[in-house]
Amino acid sequence: PDIVMLPGAQSAVIEAEAWEVAGVNSR
């Protein structure tokens, strides 16, 4: 994510529902 904060052009965010980006790190 630090590349977003480098000087220069802007970046944007779009949103997804939480279930769609749920990650798995445990059973």
mmCIF file of all heavy atoms, coordinates in Angstrom:
data_MODEL
# 
_entry.id   MODEL 
# 
loop_
_atom_site.group_PDB 
_atom_site.id 
_atom_site.type_symbol 
_atom_site.label_atom_id 
_atom_site.label_alt_id 
_atom_site.label_comp_id 
_atom_site.label_asym_id 
_atom_site.label_entity_id 
_atom_site.label_seq_id 
_atom_site.pdbx_PDB_ins_code 
_atom_site.Cartn_x 
_atom_site.Cartn_y 
_atom_site.Cartn_z 
_atom_site.occupancy 
_atom_site.B_iso_or_equiv 
_atom_site.pdbx_formal_charge 
_atom_site.auth_seq_id 
_atom_site.auth_comp_id 
_atom_site.auth_asym_id 
_atom_site.auth_atom_id 
_atom_site.pdbx_PDB_model_num 
ATOM 1   N N   . PRO A 1 1  ? 0.799   -1.236  0.000   1.00 0.00 ? 1  PRO A N   1 
ATOM 2   C CA  . PRO A 1 1  ? 0.000   0.000   0.000   1.00 0.00 ? 1  PRO A CA  1 
ATOM 3   C C   . PRO A 1 1  ? 0.829   1.282   0.000   1.00 0.00 ? 1  PRO A C   1 
ATOM 4   O O   . PRO A 1 1  ? 0.298   2.349   -0.348  1.00 0.00 ? 1  PRO A O   1 
ATOM 5   C CB  . PRO A 1 1  ? -0.822  -0.119  1.291   1.00 0.00 ? 1  PRO A CB  1 
ATOM 6   C CG  . PRO A 1 1  ? -0.904  -1.585  1.556   1.00 0.00 ? 1  PRO A CG  1 
ATOM 7   C CD  . PRO A 1 1  ? 0.410   -2.139  1.118   1.00 0.00 ? 1  PRO A CD  1 
ATOM 8   N N   . ASP A 1 2  ? 2.100   1.186   0.357   1.00 0.00 ? 2  ASP A N   1 
ATOM 9   C CA  . ASP A 1 2  ? 2.923   2.399   0.386   1.00 0.00 ? 2  ASP A CA  1 
ATOM 10  C C   . ASP A 1 2  ? 3.100   3.019   -0.987  1.00 0.00 ? 2  ASP A C   1 
ATOM 11  O O   . ASP A 1 2  ? 3.422   4.215   -1.092  1.00 0.00 ? 2  ASP A O   1 
ATOM 12  C CB  . ASP A 1 2  ? 4.298   2.090   0.992   1.00 0.00 ? 2  ASP A CB  1 
ATOM 13  C CG  . ASP A 1 2  ? 4.251   1.924   2.499   1.00 0.00 ? 2  ASP A CG  1 
ATOM 14  O OD1 . ASP A 1 2  ? 3.160   2.156   3.083   1.00 0.00 ? 2  ASP A OD1 1 
ATOM 15  O OD2 . ASP A 1 2  ? 5.270   1.545   3.102   1.00 0.00 ? 2  ASP A OD2 1 
ATOM 16  N N   . ILE A 1 3  ? 2.888   2.248   -2.064  1.00 0.00 ? 3  ILE A N   1 
ATOM 17  C CA  . ILE A 1 3  ? 3.038   2.862   -3.386  1.00 0.00 ? 3  ILE A CA  1 
ATOM 18  C C   . ILE A 1 3  ? 1.961   3.910   -3.632  1.00 0.00 ? 3  ILE A C   1 
ATOM 19  O O   . ILE A 1 3  ? 2.148   4.839   -4.429  1.00 0.00 ? 3  ILE A O   1 
ATOM 20  C CB  . ILE A 1 3  ? 3.019   1.813   -4.514  1.00 0.00 ? 3  ILE A CB  1 
ATOM 21  C CG1 . ILE A 1 3  ? 1.644   1.146   -4.654  1.00 0.00 ? 3  ILE A CG1 1 
ATOM 22  C CG2 . ILE A 1 3  ? 4.102   0.748   -4.288  1.00 0.00 ? 3  ILE A CG2 1 
ATOM 23  C CD1 . ILE A 1 3  ? 1.540   0.228   -5.857  1.00 0.00 ? 3  ILE A CD1 1 
ATOM 24  N N   . VAL A 1 4  ? 0.836   3.763   -2.924  1.00 0.00 ? 4  VAL A N   1 
ATOM 25  C CA  . VAL A 1 4  ? -0.256  4.730   -3.085  1.00 0.00 ? 4  VAL A CA  1 
ATOM 26  C C   . VAL A 1 4  ? 0.134   6.098   -2.550  1.00 0.00 ? 4  VAL A C   1 
ATOM 27  O O   . VAL A 1 4  ? -0.293  7.133   -3.075  1.00 0.00 ? 4  VAL A O   1 
ATOM 28  C CB  . VAL A 1 4  ? -1.518  4.207   -2.384  1.00 0.00 ? 4  VAL A CB  1 
ATOM 29  C CG1 . VAL A 1 4  ? -2.624  5.248   -2.382  1.00 0.00 ? 4  VAL A CG1 1 
ATOM 30  C CG2 . VAL A 1 4  ? -2.001  2.922   -3.042  1.00 0.00 ? 4  VAL A CG2 1 
ATOM 31  N N   . MET A 1 5  ? 0.978   6.114   -1.512  1.00 0.00 ? 5  MET A N   1 
ATOM 32  C CA  . MET A 1 5  ? 1.305   7.354   -0.824  1.00 0.00 ? 5  MET A CA  1 
ATOM 33  C C   . MET A 1 5  ? 2.552   8.044   -1.383  1.00 0.00 ? 5  MET A C   1 
ATOM 34  O O   . MET A 1 5  ? 2.943   9.091   -0.881  1.00 0.00 ? 5  MET A O   1 
ATOM 35  C CB  . MET A 1 5  ? 1.489   7.091   0.673   1.00 0.00 ? 5  MET A CB  1 
ATOM 36  C CG  . MET A 1 5  ? 0.282   6.471   1.343   1.00 0.00 ? 5  MET A CG  1 
ATOM 37  S SD  . MET A 1 5  ? -1.289  7.275   0.891   1.00 0.00 ? 5  MET A SD  1 
ATOM 38  C CE  . MET A 1 5  ? -0.957  8.969   1.348   1.00 0.00 ? 5  MET A CE  1 
ATOM 39  N N   . LEU A 1 6  ? 3.166   7.470   -2.388  1.00 0.00 ? 6  LEU A N   1 
ATOM 40  C CA  . LEU A 1 6  ? 4.321   8.137   -2.997  1.00 0.00 ? 6  LEU A CA  1 
ATOM 41  C C   . LEU A 1 6  ? 3.868   9.403   -3.719  1.00 0.00 ? 6  LEU A C   1 
ATOM 42  O O   . LEU A 1 6  ? 2.741   9.482   -4.223  1.00 0.00 ? 6  LEU A O   1 
ATOM 43  C CB  . LEU A 1 6  ? 5.015   7.191   -3.975  1.00 0.00 ? 6  LEU A CB  1 
ATOM 44  C CG  . LEU A 1 6  ? 5.715   5.981   -3.347  1.00 0.00 ? 6  LEU A CG  1 
ATOM 45  C CD1 . LEU A 1 6  ? 6.164   5.015   -4.439  1.00 0.00 ? 6  LEU A CD1 1 
ATOM 46  C CD2 . LEU A 1 6  ? 6.908   6.427   -2.501  1.00 0.00 ? 6  LEU A CD2 1 
ATOM 47  N N   . PRO A 1 7  ? 4.721   10.418  -3.797  1.00 0.00 ? 7  PRO A N   1 
ATOM 48  C CA  . PRO A 1 7  ? 4.351   11.667  -4.481  1.00 0.00 ? 7  PRO A CA  1 
ATOM 49  C C   . PRO A 1 7  ? 4.014   11.397  -5.947  1.00 0.00 ? 7  PRO A C   1 
ATOM 50  O O   . PRO A 1 7  ? 4.555   10.490  -6.577  1.00 0.00 ? 7  PRO A O   1 
ATOM 51  C CB  . PRO A 1 7  ? 5.611   12.518  -4.365  1.00 0.00 ? 7  PRO A CB  1 
ATOM 52  C CG  . PRO A 1 7  ? 6.362   11.947  -3.212  1.00 0.00 ? 7  PRO A CG  1 
ATOM 53  C CD  . PRO A 1 7  ? 6.073   10.483  -3.225  1.00 0.00 ? 7  PRO A CD  1 
ATOM 54  N N   . GLY A 1 8  ? 3.089   12.212  -6.467  1.00 0.00 ? 8  GLY A N   1 
ATOM 55  C CA  . GLY A 1 8  ? 2.757   12.076  -7.876  1.00 0.00 ? 8  GLY A CA  1 
ATOM 56  C C   . GLY A 1 8  ? 1.276   11.885  -8.079  1.00 0.00 ? 8  GLY A C   1 
ATOM 57  O O   . GLY A 1 8  ? 0.448   12.512  -7.407  1.00 0.00 ? 8  GLY A O   1 
ATOM 58  N N   . ALA A 1 9  ? 0.905   10.997  -8.969  1.00 0.00 ? 9  ALA A N   1 
ATOM 59  C CA  . ALA A 1 9  ? -0.491  10.810  -9.370  1.00 0.00 ? 9  ALA A CA  1 
ATOM 60  C C   . ALA A 1 9  ? -1.347  10.310  -8.204  1.00 0.00 ? 9  ALA A C   1 
ATOM 61  O O   . ALA A 1 9  ? -0.845  9.738   -7.236  1.00 0.00 ? 9  ALA A O   1 
ATOM 62  C CB  . ALA A 1 9  ? -0.550  9.830   -10.530 1.00 0.00 ? 9  ALA A CB  1 
ATOM 63  N N   . GLN A 1 10 ? -2.654  10.523  -8.323  1.00 0.00 ? 10 GLN A N   1 
ATOM 64  C CA  . GLN A 1 10 ? -3.568  10.113  -7.265  1.00 0.00 ? 10 GLN A CA  1 
ATOM 65  C C   . GLN A 1 10 ? -4.003  8.657   -7.433  1.00 0.00 ? 10 GLN A C   1 
ATOM 66  O O   . GLN A 1 10 ? -3.846  8.048   -8.497  1.00 0.00 ? 10 GLN A O   1 
ATOM 67  C CB  . GLN A 1 10 ? -4.793  11.018  -7.258  1.00 0.00 ? 10 GLN A CB  1 
ATOM 68  C CG  . GLN A 1 10 ? -5.634  10.918  -8.518  1.00 0.00 ? 10 GLN A CG  1 
ATOM 69  C CD  . GLN A 1 10 ? -6.815  11.881  -8.492  1.00 0.00 ? 10 GLN A CD  1 
ATOM 70  O OE1 . GLN A 1 10 ? -6.921  12.727  -7.614  1.00 0.00 ? 10 GLN A OE1 1 
ATOM 71  N NE2 . GLN A 1 10 ? -7.716  11.749  -9.458  1.00 0.00 ? 10 GLN A NE2 1 
ATOM 72  N N   . SER A 1 11 ? -4.554  8.097   -6.359  1.00 0.00 ? 11 SER A N   1 
ATOM 73  C CA  . SER A 1 11 ? -5.107  6.745   -6.365  1.00 0.00 ? 11 SER A CA  1 
ATOM 74  C C   . SER A 1 11 ? -6.532  6.800   -5.839  1.00 0.00 ? 11 SER A C   1 
ATOM 75  O O   . SER A 1 11 ? -6.924  7.742   -5.136  1.00 0.00 ? 11 SER A O   1 
ATOM 76  C CB  . SER A 1 11 ? -4.262  5.806   -5.504  1.00 0.00 ? 11 SER A CB  1 
ATOM 77  O OG  . SER A 1 11 ? -2.965  5.659   -6.043  1.00 0.00 ? 11 SER A OG  1 
ATOM 78  N N   . ALA A 1 12 ? -7.307  5.767   -6.159  1.00 0.00 ? 12 ALA A N   1 
ATOM 79  C CA  . ALA A 1 12 ? -8.710  5.743   -5.760  1.00 0.00 ? 12 ALA A CA  1 
ATOM 80  C C   . ALA A 1 12 ? -9.046  4.426   -5.086  1.00 0.00 ? 12 ALA A C   1 
ATOM 81  O O   . ALA A 1 12 ? -8.310  3.435   -5.197  1.00 0.00 ? 12 ALA A O   1 
ATOM 82  C CB  . ALA A 1 12 ? -9.610  5.951   -6.985  1.00 0.00 ? 12 ALA A CB  1 
ATOM 83  N N   . VAL A 1 13 ? -10.172 4.421   -4.397  1.00 0.00 ? 13 VAL A N   1 
ATOM 84  C CA  . VAL A 1 13 ? -10.671 3.210   -3.768  1.00 0.00 ? 13 VAL A CA  1 
ATOM 85  C C   . VAL A 1 13 ? -12.074 2.929   -4.279  1.00 0.00 ? 13 VAL A C   1 
ATOM 86  O O   . VAL A 1 13 ? -12.861 3.855   -4.489  1.00 0.00 ? 13 VAL A O   1 
ATOM 87  C CB  . VAL A 1 13 ? -10.675 3.332   -2.227  1.00 0.00 ? 13 VAL A CB  1 
ATOM 88  C CG1 . VAL A 1 13 ? -11.532 4.484   -1.753  1.00 0.00 ? 13 VAL A CG1 1 
ATOM 89  C CG2 . VAL A 1 13 ? -11.128 2.020   -1.582  1.00 0.00 ? 13 VAL A CG2 1 
ATOM 90  N N   . ILE A 1 14 ? -12.379 1.661   -4.559  1.00 0.00 ? 14 ILE A N   1 
ATOM 91  C CA  . ILE A 1 14 ? -13.756 1.235   -4.750  1.00 0.00 ? 14 ILE A CA  1 
ATOM 92  C C   . ILE A 1 14 ? -14.053 0.210   -3.668  1.00 0.00 ? 14 ILE A C   1 
ATOM 93  O O   . ILE A 1 14 ? -13.137 -0.420  -3.130  1.00 0.00 ? 14 ILE A O   1 
ATOM 94  C CB  . ILE A 1 14 ? -14.018 0.658   -6.155  1.00 0.00 ? 14 ILE A CB  1 
ATOM 95  C CG1 . ILE A 1 14 ? -13.244 -0.654  -6.366  1.00 0.00 ? 14 ILE A CG1 1 
ATOM 96  C CG2 . ILE A 1 14 ? -13.659 1.670   -7.233  1.00 0.00 ? 14 ILE A CG2 1 
ATOM 97  C CD1 . ILE A 1 14 ? -13.681 -1.387  -7.620  1.00 0.00 ? 14 ILE A CD1 1 
ATOM 98  N N   . GLU A 1 15 ? -15.340 0.047   -3.350  1.00 0.00 ? 15 GLU A N   1 
ATOM 99  C CA  . GLU A 1 15 ? -15.694 -0.799  -2.214  1.00 0.00 ? 15 GLU A CA  1 
ATOM 100 C C   . GLU A 1 15 ? -16.364 -2.100  -2.659  1.00 0.00 ? 15 GLU A C   1 
ATOM 101 O O   . GLU A 1 15 ? -17.119 -2.139  -3.629  1.00 0.00 ? 15 GLU A O   1 
ATOM 102 C CB  . GLU A 1 15 ? -16.623 -0.043  -1.265  1.00 0.00 ? 15 GLU A CB  1 
ATOM 103 C CG  . GLU A 1 15 ? -15.965 1.154   -0.599  1.00 0.00 ? 15 GLU A CG  1 
ATOM 104 C CD  . GLU A 1 15 ? -16.827 1.774   0.487   1.00 0.00 ? 15 GLU A CD  1 
ATOM 105 O OE1 . GLU A 1 15 ? -17.539 1.010   1.186   1.00 0.00 ? 15 GLU A OE1 1 
ATOM 106 O OE2 . GLU A 1 15 ? -16.788 3.016   0.639   1.00 0.00 ? 15 GLU A OE2 1 
ATOM 107 N N   . ALA A 1 16 ? -16.052 -3.152  -1.917  1.00 0.00 ? 16 ALA A N   1 
ATOM 108 C CA  . ALA A 1 16 ? -16.695 -4.448  -2.077  1.00 0.00 ? 16 ALA A CA  1 
ATOM 109 C C   . ALA A 1 16 ? -17.350 -4.830  -0.759  1.00 0.00 ? 16 ALA A C   1 
ATOM 110 O O   . ALA A 1 16 ? -17.033 -4.263  0.298   1.00 0.00 ? 16 ALA A O   1 
ATOM 111 C CB  . ALA A 1 16 ? -15.674 -5.508  -2.479  1.00 0.00 ? 16 ALA A CB  1 
ATOM 112 N N   . GLU A 1 17 ? -18.260 -5.799  -0.808  1.00 0.00 ? 17 GLU A N   1 
ATOM 113 C CA  . GLU A 1 17 ? -18.839 -6.304  0.429   1.00 0.00 ? 17 GLU A CA  1 
ATOM 114 C C   . GLU A 1 17 ? -17.784 -7.103  1.195   1.00 0.00 ? 17 GLU A C   1 
ATOM 115 O O   . GLU A 1 17 ? -16.880 -7.710  0.600   1.00 0.00 ? 17 GLU A O   1 
ATOM 116 C CB  . GLU A 1 17 ? -20.045 -7.181  0.132   1.00 0.00 ? 17 GLU A CB  1 
ATOM 117 C CG  . GLU A 1 17 ? -21.213 -6.426  -0.477  1.00 0.00 ? 17 GLU A CG  1 
ATOM 118 C CD  . GLU A 1 17 ? -22.438 -7.314  -0.619  1.00 0.00 ? 17 GLU A CD  1 
ATOM 119 O OE1 . GLU A 1 17 ? -22.871 -7.890  0.407   1.00 0.00 ? 17 GLU A OE1 1 
ATOM 120 O OE2 . GLU A 1 17 ? -22.939 -7.452  -1.737  1.00 0.00 ? 17 GLU A OE2 1 
ATOM 121 N N   . ALA A 1 18 ? -17.933 -7.129  2.500   1.00 0.00 ? 18 ALA A N   1 
ATOM 122 C CA  . ALA A 1 18 ? -16.912 -7.750  3.344   1.00 0.00 ? 18 ALA A CA  1 
ATOM 123 C C   . ALA A 1 18 ? -16.717 -9.228  3.029   1.00 0.00 ? 18 ALA A C   1 
ATOM 124 O O   . ALA A 1 18 ? -15.590 -9.727  3.044   1.00 0.00 ? 18 ALA A O   1 
ATOM 125 C CB  . ALA A 1 18 ? -17.268 -7.561  4.821   1.00 0.00 ? 18 ALA A CB  1 
ATOM 126 N N   . TRP A 1 19 ? -17.799 -9.968  2.722   1.00 0.00 ? 19 TRP A N   1 
ATOM 127 C CA  . TRP A 1 19 ? -17.659 -11.409 2.457   1.00 0.00 ? 19 TRP A CA  1 
ATOM 128 C C   . TRP A 1 19 ? -16.772 -11.667 1.245   1.00 0.00 ? 19 TRP A C   1 
ATOM 129 O O   . TRP A 1 19 ? -16.084 -12.682 1.181   1.00 0.00 ? 19 TRP A O   1 
ATOM 130 C CB  . TRP A 1 19 ? -19.019 -12.065 2.265   1.00 0.00 ? 19 TRP A CB  1 
ATOM 131 C CG  . TRP A 1 19 ? -19.802 -11.593 1.058   1.00 0.00 ? 19 TRP A CG  1 
ATOM 132 C CD1 . TRP A 1 19 ? -20.805 -10.682 1.051   1.00 0.00 ? 19 TRP A CD1 1 
ATOM 133 C CD2 . TRP A 1 19 ? -19.630 -12.006 -0.307  1.00 0.00 ? 19 TRP A CD2 1 
ATOM 134 N NE1 . TRP A 1 19 ? -21.279 -10.494 -0.229  1.00 0.00 ? 19 TRP A NE1 1 
ATOM 135 C CE2 . TRP A 1 19 ? -20.575 -11.303 -1.083  1.00 0.00 ? 19 TRP A CE2 1 
ATOM 136 C CE3 . TRP A 1 19 ? -18.784 -12.904 -0.944  1.00 0.00 ? 19 TRP A CE3 1 
ATOM 137 C CZ2 . TRP A 1 19 ? -20.695 -11.462 -2.461  1.00 0.00 ? 19 TRP A CZ2 1 
ATOM 138 C CZ3 . TRP A 1 19 ? -18.893 -13.071 -2.325  1.00 0.00 ? 19 TRP A CZ3 1 
ATOM 139 C CH2 . TRP A 1 19 ? -19.827 -12.348 -3.066  1.00 0.00 ? 19 TRP A CH2 1 
ATOM 140 N N   . GLU A 1 20 ? -16.800 -10.719 0.300   1.00 0.00 ? 20 GLU A N   1 
ATOM 141 C CA  . GLU A 1 20 ? -16.076 -10.945 -0.952  1.00 0.00 ? 20 GLU A CA  1 
ATOM 142 C C   . GLU A 1 20 ? -14.566 -10.893 -0.764  1.00 0.00 ? 20 GLU A C   1 
ATOM 143 O O   . GLU A 1 20 ? -13.816 -11.524 -1.511  1.00 0.00 ? 20 GLU A O   1 
ATOM 144 C CB  . GLU A 1 20 ? -16.525 -9.902  -1.976  1.00 0.00 ? 20 GLU A CB  1 
ATOM 145 C CG  . GLU A 1 20 ? -16.098 -10.208 -3.384  1.00 0.00 ? 20 GLU A CG  1 
ATOM 146 C CD  . GLU A 1 20 ? -16.672 -9.220  -4.383  1.00 0.00 ? 20 GLU A CD  1 
ATOM 147 O OE1 . GLU A 1 20 ? -17.515 -8.374  -4.000  1.00 0.00 ? 20 GLU A OE1 1 
ATOM 148 O OE2 . GLU A 1 20 ? -16.267 -9.285  -5.563  1.00 0.00 ? 20 GLU A OE2 1 
ATOM 149 N N   . VAL A 1 21 ? -14.118 -10.150 0.235   1.00 0.00 ? 21 VAL A N   1 
ATOM 150 C CA  . VAL A 1 21 ? -12.676 -10.001 0.463   1.00 0.00 ? 21 VAL A CA  1 
ATOM 151 C C   . VAL A 1 21 ? -12.235 -10.679 1.751   1.00 0.00 ? 21 VAL A C   1 
ATOM 152 O O   . VAL A 1 21 ? -11.150 -10.403 2.273   1.00 0.00 ? 21 VAL A O   1 
ATOM 153 C CB  . VAL A 1 21 ? -12.259 -8.523  0.451   1.00 0.00 ? 21 VAL A CB  1 
ATOM 154 C CG1 . VAL A 1 21 ? -12.459 -7.937  -0.934  1.00 0.00 ? 21 VAL A CG1 1 
ATOM 155 C CG2 . VAL A 1 21 ? -13.033 -7.717  1.493   1.00 0.00 ? 21 VAL A CG2 1 
ATOM 156 N N   . ALA A 1 22 ? -13.076 -11.568 2.276   1.00 0.00 ? 22 ALA A N   1 
ATOM 157 C CA  . ALA A 1 22 ? -12.711 -12.278 3.499   1.00 0.00 ? 22 ALA A CA  1 
ATOM 158 C C   . ALA A 1 22 ? -11.497 -13.162 3.238   1.00 0.00 ? 22 ALA A C   1 
ATOM 159 O O   . ALA A 1 22 ? -11.464 -13.934 2.289   1.00 0.00 ? 22 ALA A O   1 
ATOM 160 C CB  . ALA A 1 22 ? -13.887 -13.120 3.988   1.00 0.00 ? 22 ALA A CB  1 
ATOM 161 N N   . GLY A 1 23 ? -10.497 -13.044 4.093   1.00 0.00 ? 23 GLY A N   1 
ATOM 162 C CA  . GLY A 1 23 ? -9.283  -13.846 3.967   1.00 0.00 ? 23 GLY A CA  1 
ATOM 163 C C   . GLY A 1 23 ? -9.295  -15.023 4.926   1.00 0.00 ? 23 GLY A C   1 
ATOM 164 O O   . GLY A 1 23 ? -10.047 -15.046 5.910   1.00 0.00 ? 23 GLY A O   1 
ATOM 165 N N   . VAL A 1 24 ? -8.462  -16.003 4.641   1.00 0.00 ? 24 VAL A N   1 
ATOM 166 C CA  . VAL A 1 24 ? -8.402  -17.224 5.441   1.00 0.00 ? 24 VAL A CA  1 
ATOM 167 C C   . VAL A 1 24 ? -6.990  -17.387 5.995   1.00 0.00 ? 24 VAL A C   1 
ATOM 168 O O   . VAL A 1 24 ? -6.035  -17.574 5.237   1.00 0.00 ? 24 VAL A O   1 
ATOM 169 C CB  . VAL A 1 24 ? -8.782  -18.460 4.598   1.00 0.00 ? 24 VAL A CB  1 
ATOM 170 C CG1 . VAL A 1 24 ? -8.575  -19.731 5.405   1.00 0.00 ? 24 VAL A CG1 1 
ATOM 171 C CG2 . VAL A 1 24 ? -10.230 -18.352 4.125   1.00 0.00 ? 24 VAL A CG2 1 
ATOM 172 N N   . ASN A 1 25 ? -6.885  -17.318 7.302   1.00 0.00 ? 25 ASN A N   1 
ATOM 173 C CA  . ASN A 1 25 ? -5.606  -17.545 7.970   1.00 0.00 ? 25 ASN A CA  1 
ATOM 174 C C   . ASN A 1 25 ? -5.682  -18.633 9.024   1.00 0.00 ? 25 ASN A C   1 
ATOM 175 O O   . ASN A 1 25 ? -4.702  -18.876 9.727   1.00 0.00 ? 25 ASN A O   1 
ATOM 176 C CB  . ASN A 1 25 ? -5.122  -16.235 8.614   1.00 0.00 ? 25 ASN A CB  1 
ATOM 177 C CG  . ASN A 1 25 ? -4.731  -15.210 7.565   1.00 0.00 ? 25 ASN A CG  1 
ATOM 178 O OD1 . ASN A 1 25 ? -3.783  -15.396 6.815   1.00 0.00 ? 25 ASN A OD1 1 
ATOM 179 N ND2 . ASN A 1 25 ? -5.497  -14.124 7.493   1.00 0.00 ? 25 ASN A ND2 1 
ATOM 180 N N   . SER A 1 26 ? -6.850  -19.263 9.144   1.00 0.00 ? 26 SER A N   1 
ATOM 181 C CA  . SER A 1 26 ? -7.020  -20.314 10.146  1.00 0.00 ? 26 SER A CA  1 
ATOM 182 C C   . SER A 1 26 ? -8.165  -21.210 9.715   1.00 0.00 ? 26 SER A C   1 
ATOM 183 O O   . SER A 1 26 ? -8.946  -20.871 8.815   1.00 0.00 ? 26 SER A O   1 
ATOM 184 C CB  . SER A 1 26 ? -7.330  -19.706 11.520  1.00 0.00 ? 26 SER A CB  1 
ATOM 185 O OG  . SER A 1 26 ? -8.636  -19.129 11.515  1.00 0.00 ? 26 SER A OG  1 
ATOM 186 N N   . ARG A 1 27 ? -8.297  -22.341 10.384  1.00 0.00 ? 27 ARG A N   1 
ATOM 187 C CA  . ARG A 1 27 ? -9.419  -23.244 10.098  1.00 0.00 ? 27 ARG A CA  1 
ATOM 188 C C   . ARG A 1 27 ? -10.752 -22.574 10.444  1.00 0.00 ? 27 ARG A C   1 
ATOM 189 O O   . ARG A 1 27 ? -11.764 -22.824 9.785   1.00 0.00 ? 27 ARG A O   1 
ATOM 190 C CB  . ARG A 1 27 ? -9.285  -24.533 10.903  1.00 0.00 ? 27 ARG A CB  1 
ATOM 191 C CG  . ARG A 1 27 ? -7.938  -25.216 10.798  1.00 0.00 ? 27 ARG A CG  1 
ATOM 192 C CD  . ARG A 1 27 ? -7.809  -26.122 9.603   1.00 0.00 ? 27 ARG A CD  1 
ATOM 193 N NE  . ARG A 1 27 ? -6.527  -26.804 9.599   1.00 0.00 ? 27 ARG A NE  1 
ATOM 194 C CZ  . ARG A 1 27 ? -6.275  -27.922 8.944   1.00 0.00 ? 27 ARG A CZ  1 
ATOM 195 N NH1 . ARG A 1 27 ? -7.208  -28.496 8.229   1.00 0.00 ? 27 ARG A NH1 1 
ATOM 196 N NH2 . ARG A 1 27 ? -5.078  -28.474 8.975   1.00 0.00 ? 27 ARG A NH2 1 
# 
